[in-house]
Every structure is written in structure tokens, then in C-alpha cells.
Amino acid sequence: MAVRALRGATQVDADERSQILDRSAELVSAVLERNELVSDDVISIWFTATPDLTAEFPAYAARLLGLTDVPLMCATEMSVPGALPRVLRLLAHVETPKPRAEMRHVYLHGAQALRTDLPR
């Protein structure tokens, strides 16, 4: 087993609690599914939100998915002029036998524009 890091991001349509929870849950689920991971494989997840998102903690969505014993942290993303608005990001550390080259980062909705170099 190796420790690997996975990145992901999604964009919400509005700073609304339900949007943040739904898109955060979708993002976490997609990262786990695309990398054939279960909650026991997850070491920790660091979430960030652009400064325009304050209605809910994205980590709460992971708790609702059952990641109750995984360390989770939320922070505010840097406010960079011209940056994509309403973006939730994650950095997950996981244990897996897969090599780094087989790890699949996940960018959903408008956040796909952040990593056009990745396969869909």
C-alpha cells in the first residue's frame, strides 16, 4: 500500500447550503468511485471554498456520506482576481496499491475548466 493524494473540484451555481452539500457529496463520491476507494482507504480530506461560498462547510457533506471517522478540514481558498467563482476543492490522502499514474483526479461542472489537461 502507498499513500496517494487526489485532487478534485466542482463549481456551485449559488452560495446556498443545499448546493454546497449536494455538489460536495457528488465530488467526494466521484473521487472515491473513480479510484475504486472505500471510506477505510481515506486518510484525510482537506476542503477549500472560494471566499464567495459561506453557506455551509463542504466537509459536512462528507460526514453525511458516512465518512464520520475520517479527519476533515475546511479552509477558504485564496482570493485571486479573475479566479473562477463559487468553487469547492478537495485534496484527499488515501491508501491504495495503485501507482500514482493510475490515480484519477475529478473536476466537475464549471471546475472542469481548471484542469483541461485531464481526461473526463
N, C-alpha and C. Protein backbone atom coordinates (compact mmCIF):
# COMPACT_ATOMS: atom_id res chain seq x y z
N MET A 1 0.83 -1.19 0.00
CA MET A 1 0.00 0.00 0.00
C MET A 1 0.87 1.25 0.00
N ALA A 2 0.37 2.26 -0.67
CA ALA A 2 1.06 3.54 -0.72
C ALA A 2 0.07 4.63 -0.32
N VAL A 3 0.59 5.75 0.12
CA VAL A 3 -0.23 6.92 0.37
C VAL A 3 -0.21 7.76 -0.90
N ARG A 4 -1.38 8.09 -1.39
CA ARG A 4 -1.53 8.90 -2.60
C ARG A 4 -2.41 10.10 -2.29
N ALA A 5 -2.24 11.15 -3.07
CA ALA A 5 -3.06 12.35 -2.94
C ALA A 5 -3.93 12.49 -4.19
N LEU A 6 -5.16 12.84 -3.97
CA LEU A 6 -6.11 13.06 -5.06
C LEU A 6 -6.67 14.46 -4.96
N ARG A 7 -6.82 15.10 -6.12
CA ARG A 7 -7.40 16.43 -6.18
C ARG A 7 -8.75 16.36 -6.85
N GLY A 8 -9.57 17.34 -6.53
CA GLY A 8 -10.87 17.45 -7.17
C GLY A 8 -11.45 18.83 -6.94
N ALA A 9 -12.39 19.19 -7.78
CA ALA A 9 -13.07 20.48 -7.64
C ALA A 9 -14.42 20.42 -8.34
N THR A 10 -15.30 21.27 -7.89
CA THR A 10 -16.60 21.43 -8.51
C THR A 10 -17.02 22.88 -8.34
N GLN A 11 -17.96 23.29 -9.14
CA GLN A 11 -18.48 24.65 -9.05
C GLN A 11 -19.96 24.58 -8.69
N VAL A 12 -20.41 25.46 -7.82
CA VAL A 12 -21.82 25.54 -7.48
C VAL A 12 -22.43 26.75 -8.19
N ASP A 13 -23.74 26.71 -8.35
CA ASP A 13 -24.44 27.79 -9.04
C ASP A 13 -24.70 29.00 -8.15
N ALA A 14 -24.80 28.74 -6.83
CA ALA A 14 -25.11 29.82 -5.89
C ALA A 14 -24.61 29.44 -4.51
N ASP A 15 -24.40 30.43 -3.67
CA ASP A 15 -23.98 30.21 -2.29
C ASP A 15 -25.19 29.81 -1.46
N GLU A 16 -25.64 28.59 -1.68
CA GLU A 16 -26.78 28.04 -0.96
C GLU A 16 -26.37 26.74 -0.30
N ARG A 17 -26.85 26.53 0.91
CA ARG A 17 -26.48 25.35 1.68
C ARG A 17 -26.70 24.06 0.90
N SER A 18 -27.86 23.91 0.29
CA SER A 18 -28.18 22.68 -0.43
C SER A 18 -27.24 22.47 -1.62
N GLN A 19 -26.89 23.54 -2.31
CA GLN A 19 -25.95 23.44 -3.45
C GLN A 19 -24.58 22.98 -2.97
N ILE A 20 -24.09 23.56 -1.88
CA ILE A 20 -22.78 23.20 -1.36
C ILE A 20 -22.77 21.75 -0.90
N LEU A 21 -23.81 21.33 -0.19
CA LEU A 21 -23.87 19.94 0.27
C LEU A 21 -23.99 18.97 -0.89
N ASP A 22 -24.86 19.26 -1.85
CA ASP A 22 -25.06 18.35 -2.99
C ASP A 22 -23.81 18.23 -3.83
N ARG A 23 -23.19 19.35 -4.18
CA ARG A 23 -22.01 19.29 -5.05
C ARG A 23 -20.80 18.72 -4.31
N SER A 24 -20.68 18.99 -3.02
CA SER A 24 -19.58 18.42 -2.24
C SER A 24 -19.72 16.90 -2.15
N ALA A 25 -20.93 16.44 -1.90
CA ALA A 25 -21.18 14.99 -1.83
C ALA A 25 -20.92 14.34 -3.18
N GLU A 26 -21.35 14.98 -4.24
CA GLU A 26 -21.11 14.46 -5.58
C GLU A 26 -19.61 14.35 -5.86
N LEU A 27 -18.85 15.36 -5.45
CA LEU A 27 -17.41 15.38 -5.68
C LEU A 27 -16.71 14.27 -4.88
N VAL A 28 -17.01 14.16 -3.60
CA VAL A 28 -16.40 13.11 -2.77
C VAL A 28 -16.75 11.74 -3.33
N SER A 29 -18.00 11.52 -3.66
CA SER A 29 -18.42 10.23 -4.20
C SER A 29 -17.70 9.91 -5.51
N ALA A 30 -17.57 10.90 -6.37
CA ALA A 30 -16.89 10.67 -7.66
C ALA A 30 -15.42 10.34 -7.46
N VAL A 31 -14.75 11.01 -6.53
CA VAL A 31 -13.34 10.72 -6.26
C VAL A 31 -13.19 9.28 -5.77
N LEU A 32 -14.05 8.87 -4.86
CA LEU A 32 -13.98 7.50 -4.34
C LEU A 32 -14.29 6.48 -5.42
N GLU A 33 -15.37 6.69 -6.16
CA GLU A 33 -15.78 5.73 -7.19
C GLU A 33 -14.75 5.60 -8.30
N ARG A 34 -14.29 6.72 -8.82
CA ARG A 34 -13.35 6.68 -9.95
C ARG A 34 -12.00 6.07 -9.59
N ASN A 35 -11.71 6.04 -8.30
CA ASN A 35 -10.44 5.48 -7.85
C ASN A 35 -10.62 4.17 -7.10
N GLU A 36 -11.83 3.63 -7.15
CA GLU A 36 -12.17 2.35 -6.52
C GLU A 36 -11.75 2.32 -5.05
N LEU A 37 -12.17 3.36 -4.33
CA LEU A 37 -11.83 3.51 -2.92
C LEU A 37 -13.08 3.39 -2.05
N VAL A 38 -12.87 2.98 -0.81
CA VAL A 38 -13.93 2.97 0.20
C VAL A 38 -13.46 3.86 1.36
N SER A 39 -14.36 4.15 2.28
CA SER A 39 -14.01 5.10 3.34
C SER A 39 -12.80 4.65 4.16
N ASP A 40 -12.60 3.36 4.36
CA ASP A 40 -11.44 2.88 5.11
C ASP A 40 -10.11 3.21 4.42
N ASP A 41 -10.15 3.50 3.13
CA ASP A 41 -8.93 3.86 2.39
C ASP A 41 -8.55 5.33 2.58
N VAL A 42 -9.48 6.13 3.05
CA VAL A 42 -9.27 7.58 3.14
C VAL A 42 -8.56 7.93 4.45
N ILE A 43 -7.44 8.61 4.32
CA ILE A 43 -6.67 9.06 5.49
C ILE A 43 -7.22 10.39 5.98
N SER A 44 -7.40 11.34 5.06
CA SER A 44 -7.94 12.65 5.41
C SER A 44 -8.37 13.37 4.13
N ILE A 45 -9.21 14.38 4.32
CA ILE A 45 -9.63 15.22 3.19
C ILE A 45 -9.58 16.67 3.64
N TRP A 46 -8.94 17.49 2.82
CA TRP A 46 -8.86 18.93 3.04
C TRP A 46 -9.75 19.59 1.99
N PHE A 47 -10.73 20.35 2.42
CA PHE A 47 -11.64 21.06 1.53
C PHE A 47 -11.31 22.55 1.55
N THR A 48 -11.42 23.19 0.39
CA THR A 48 -11.39 24.65 0.36
C THR A 48 -12.60 25.14 -0.43
N ALA A 49 -12.99 26.36 -0.13
CA ALA A 49 -14.08 27.03 -0.84
C ALA A 49 -13.61 28.43 -1.19
N THR A 50 -14.00 28.89 -2.36
CA THR A 50 -13.68 30.27 -2.71
C THR A 50 -14.39 31.19 -1.71
N PRO A 51 -13.87 32.42 -1.52
CA PRO A 51 -14.42 33.30 -0.49
C PRO A 51 -15.90 33.65 -0.67
N ASP A 52 -16.45 33.41 -1.84
CA ASP A 52 -17.86 33.71 -2.08
C ASP A 52 -18.80 32.60 -1.63
N LEU A 53 -18.27 31.53 -1.03
CA LEU A 53 -19.09 30.42 -0.53
C LEU A 53 -18.98 30.34 0.98
N THR A 54 -20.07 30.64 1.65
CA THR A 54 -20.08 30.65 3.12
C THR A 54 -21.31 29.99 3.73
N ALA A 55 -22.20 29.45 2.93
CA ALA A 55 -23.48 28.94 3.44
C ALA A 55 -23.37 27.61 4.19
N GLU A 56 -22.28 26.84 3.96
CA GLU A 56 -22.13 25.55 4.65
C GLU A 56 -20.69 25.08 4.50
N PHE A 57 -20.28 24.22 5.43
CA PHE A 57 -18.97 23.58 5.35
C PHE A 57 -19.06 22.41 4.37
N PRO A 58 -18.19 22.35 3.36
CA PRO A 58 -18.24 21.20 2.45
C PRO A 58 -17.93 19.88 3.15
N ALA A 59 -17.17 19.91 4.21
CA ALA A 59 -16.85 18.68 4.94
C ALA A 59 -18.10 18.04 5.54
N TYR A 60 -19.10 18.84 5.83
CA TYR A 60 -20.34 18.28 6.39
C TYR A 60 -20.99 17.29 5.42
N ALA A 61 -20.86 17.55 4.13
CA ALA A 61 -21.40 16.62 3.12
C ALA A 61 -20.70 15.27 3.21
N ALA A 62 -19.39 15.29 3.45
CA ALA A 62 -18.64 14.02 3.61
C ALA A 62 -19.11 13.28 4.85
N ARG A 63 -19.39 14.00 5.91
CA ARG A 63 -19.93 13.36 7.13
C ARG A 63 -21.27 12.69 6.82
N LEU A 64 -22.11 13.39 6.07
CA LEU A 64 -23.42 12.82 5.71
C LEU A 64 -23.28 11.58 4.83
N LEU A 65 -22.17 11.46 4.10
CA LEU A 65 -21.91 10.28 3.28
C LEU A 65 -21.41 9.10 4.11
N GLY A 66 -21.12 9.35 5.39
CA GLY A 66 -20.65 8.28 6.25
C GLY A 66 -19.17 8.34 6.59
N LEU A 67 -18.48 9.37 6.16
CA LEU A 67 -17.06 9.50 6.49
C LEU A 67 -16.92 10.13 7.87
N THR A 68 -17.44 9.45 8.87
CA THR A 68 -17.51 10.01 10.22
C THR A 68 -16.22 9.84 11.01
N ASP A 69 -15.35 8.90 10.61
CA ASP A 69 -14.10 8.70 11.35
C ASP A 69 -12.88 9.15 10.55
N VAL A 70 -13.10 9.92 9.49
CA VAL A 70 -12.03 10.45 8.65
C VAL A 70 -11.77 11.90 9.05
N PRO A 71 -10.52 12.28 9.31
CA PRO A 71 -10.24 13.68 9.60
C PRO A 71 -10.54 14.55 8.38
N LEU A 72 -11.34 15.58 8.59
CA LEU A 72 -11.74 16.52 7.53
C LEU A 72 -11.44 17.94 7.98
N MET A 73 -11.06 18.79 7.03
CA MET A 73 -10.74 20.18 7.35
C MET A 73 -11.26 21.06 6.23
N CYS A 74 -11.76 22.24 6.59
CA CYS A 74 -12.22 23.22 5.60
C CYS A 74 -11.41 24.50 5.76
N ALA A 75 -11.19 25.17 4.64
CA ALA A 75 -10.48 26.45 4.64
C ALA A 75 -11.01 27.29 3.48
N THR A 76 -10.68 28.55 3.51
CA THR A 76 -11.04 29.45 2.42
C THR A 76 -9.90 29.49 1.42
N GLU A 77 -10.26 29.36 0.16
CA GLU A 77 -9.29 29.45 -0.94
C GLU A 77 -8.80 30.89 -1.06
N MET A 78 -7.61 31.08 -1.59
CA MET A 78 -7.09 32.43 -1.83
C MET A 78 -8.03 33.20 -2.76
N SER A 79 -8.14 34.48 -2.51
CA SER A 79 -8.95 35.35 -3.35
C SER A 79 -8.05 35.95 -4.42
N VAL A 80 -8.07 35.36 -5.59
CA VAL A 80 -7.21 35.81 -6.69
C VAL A 80 -8.09 36.51 -7.73
N PRO A 81 -7.76 37.73 -8.12
CA PRO A 81 -8.56 38.42 -9.14
C PRO A 81 -8.69 37.59 -10.41
N GLY A 82 -9.92 37.49 -10.90
CA GLY A 82 -10.18 36.75 -12.14
C GLY A 82 -10.33 35.25 -11.97
N ALA A 83 -10.19 34.74 -10.74
CA ALA A 83 -10.33 33.30 -10.50
C ALA A 83 -11.77 32.85 -10.70
N LEU A 84 -11.94 31.60 -11.02
CA LEU A 84 -13.27 31.02 -11.19
C LEU A 84 -14.05 31.15 -9.87
N PRO A 85 -15.27 31.69 -9.91
CA PRO A 85 -16.04 31.86 -8.68
C PRO A 85 -16.77 30.59 -8.26
N ARG A 86 -17.19 30.57 -7.00
CA ARG A 86 -18.06 29.52 -6.42
C ARG A 86 -17.48 28.11 -6.61
N VAL A 87 -16.21 27.95 -6.26
CA VAL A 87 -15.54 26.66 -6.46
C VAL A 87 -15.24 26.00 -5.11
N LEU A 88 -15.55 24.71 -5.05
CA LEU A 88 -15.20 23.86 -3.92
C LEU A 88 -14.09 22.94 -4.39
N ARG A 89 -13.02 22.84 -3.61
CA ARG A 89 -11.90 21.97 -3.97
C ARG A 89 -11.66 20.98 -2.84
N LEU A 90 -11.02 19.86 -3.19
CA LEU A 90 -10.59 18.93 -2.15
C LEU A 90 -9.23 18.36 -2.48
N LEU A 91 -8.54 17.99 -1.44
CA LEU A 91 -7.29 17.27 -1.51
C LEU A 91 -7.45 16.10 -0.55
N ALA A 92 -7.52 14.89 -1.10
CA ALA A 92 -7.72 13.69 -0.29
C ALA A 92 -6.44 12.88 -0.25
N HIS A 93 -6.08 12.42 0.93
CA HIS A 93 -4.96 11.50 1.09
C HIS A 93 -5.55 10.11 1.34
N VAL A 94 -5.09 9.16 0.54
CA VAL A 94 -5.67 7.82 0.60
C VAL A 94 -4.57 6.76 0.61
N GLU A 95 -4.94 5.57 1.07
CA GLU A 95 -4.07 4.40 0.96
C GLU A 95 -4.58 3.55 -0.19
N THR A 96 -3.68 3.15 -1.07
CA THR A 96 -4.07 2.36 -2.24
C THR A 96 -2.85 1.61 -2.77
N PRO A 97 -3.09 0.47 -3.40
CA PRO A 97 -1.98 -0.23 -4.04
C PRO A 97 -1.67 0.34 -5.43
N LYS A 98 -2.52 1.23 -5.93
CA LYS A 98 -2.34 1.77 -7.28
C LYS A 98 -1.14 2.71 -7.36
N PRO A 99 -0.46 2.69 -8.50
CA PRO A 99 0.61 3.67 -8.70
C PRO A 99 0.02 5.06 -8.94
N ARG A 100 0.82 6.07 -8.72
CA ARG A 100 0.37 7.46 -8.88
C ARG A 100 -0.24 7.70 -10.27
N ALA A 101 0.32 7.09 -11.30
CA ALA A 101 -0.16 7.30 -12.67
C ALA A 101 -1.59 6.80 -12.88
N GLU A 102 -2.08 5.93 -12.03
CA GLU A 102 -3.44 5.40 -12.18
C GLU A 102 -4.48 6.16 -11.35
N MET A 103 -4.05 7.12 -10.57
CA MET A 103 -4.98 7.90 -9.76
C MET A 103 -5.74 8.86 -10.67
N ARG A 104 -7.04 8.99 -10.43
CA ARG A 104 -7.89 9.83 -11.28
C ARG A 104 -8.44 11.01 -10.49
N HIS A 105 -7.96 12.19 -10.81
CA HIS A 105 -8.45 13.41 -10.20
C HIS A 105 -9.80 13.75 -10.84
N VAL A 106 -10.64 14.46 -10.10
CA VAL A 106 -12.03 14.67 -10.54
C VAL A 106 -12.36 16.16 -10.54
N TYR A 107 -12.75 16.67 -11.69
CA TYR A 107 -13.17 18.07 -11.83
C TYR A 107 -14.55 18.07 -12.49
N LEU A 108 -15.53 18.62 -11.77
CA LEU A 108 -16.93 18.55 -12.20
C LEU A 108 -17.50 19.95 -12.47
N HIS A 109 -18.55 19.95 -13.26
CA HIS A 109 -19.30 21.16 -13.57
C HIS A 109 -18.33 22.22 -14.11
N GLY A 110 -18.49 23.47 -13.75
CA GLY A 110 -17.64 24.52 -14.29
C GLY A 110 -16.17 24.39 -13.90
N ALA A 111 -15.87 23.63 -12.86
CA ALA A 111 -14.49 23.46 -12.42
C ALA A 111 -13.66 22.63 -13.39
N GLN A 112 -14.30 22.02 -14.37
CA GLN A 112 -13.55 21.29 -15.40
C GLN A 112 -12.59 22.24 -16.12
N ALA A 113 -12.92 23.50 -16.16
CA ALA A 113 -12.07 24.50 -16.82
C ALA A 113 -10.73 24.67 -16.10
N LEU A 114 -10.65 24.25 -14.85
CA LEU A 114 -9.41 24.39 -14.09
C LEU A 114 -8.35 23.38 -14.53
N ARG A 115 -8.78 22.23 -15.05
CA ARG A 115 -7.83 21.17 -15.45
C ARG A 115 -8.25 20.57 -16.78
N THR A 116 -8.11 21.33 -17.83
CA THR A 116 -8.48 20.85 -19.15
C THR A 116 -7.52 19.77 -19.66
N ASP A 117 -6.41 19.56 -18.96
CA ASP A 117 -5.44 18.55 -19.35
C ASP A 117 -5.83 17.14 -18.90
N LEU A 118 -6.84 17.03 -18.02
CA LEU A 118 -7.23 15.73 -17.50
C LEU A 118 -8.32 15.08 -18.35
N PRO A 119 -8.31 13.75 -18.45
CA PRO A 119 -9.41 13.08 -19.15
C PRO A 119 -10.71 13.21 -18.36
N ARG A 120 -11.81 13.20 -19.05
CA ARG A 120 -13.13 13.35 -18.40
C ARG A 120 -13.55 12.08 -17.76
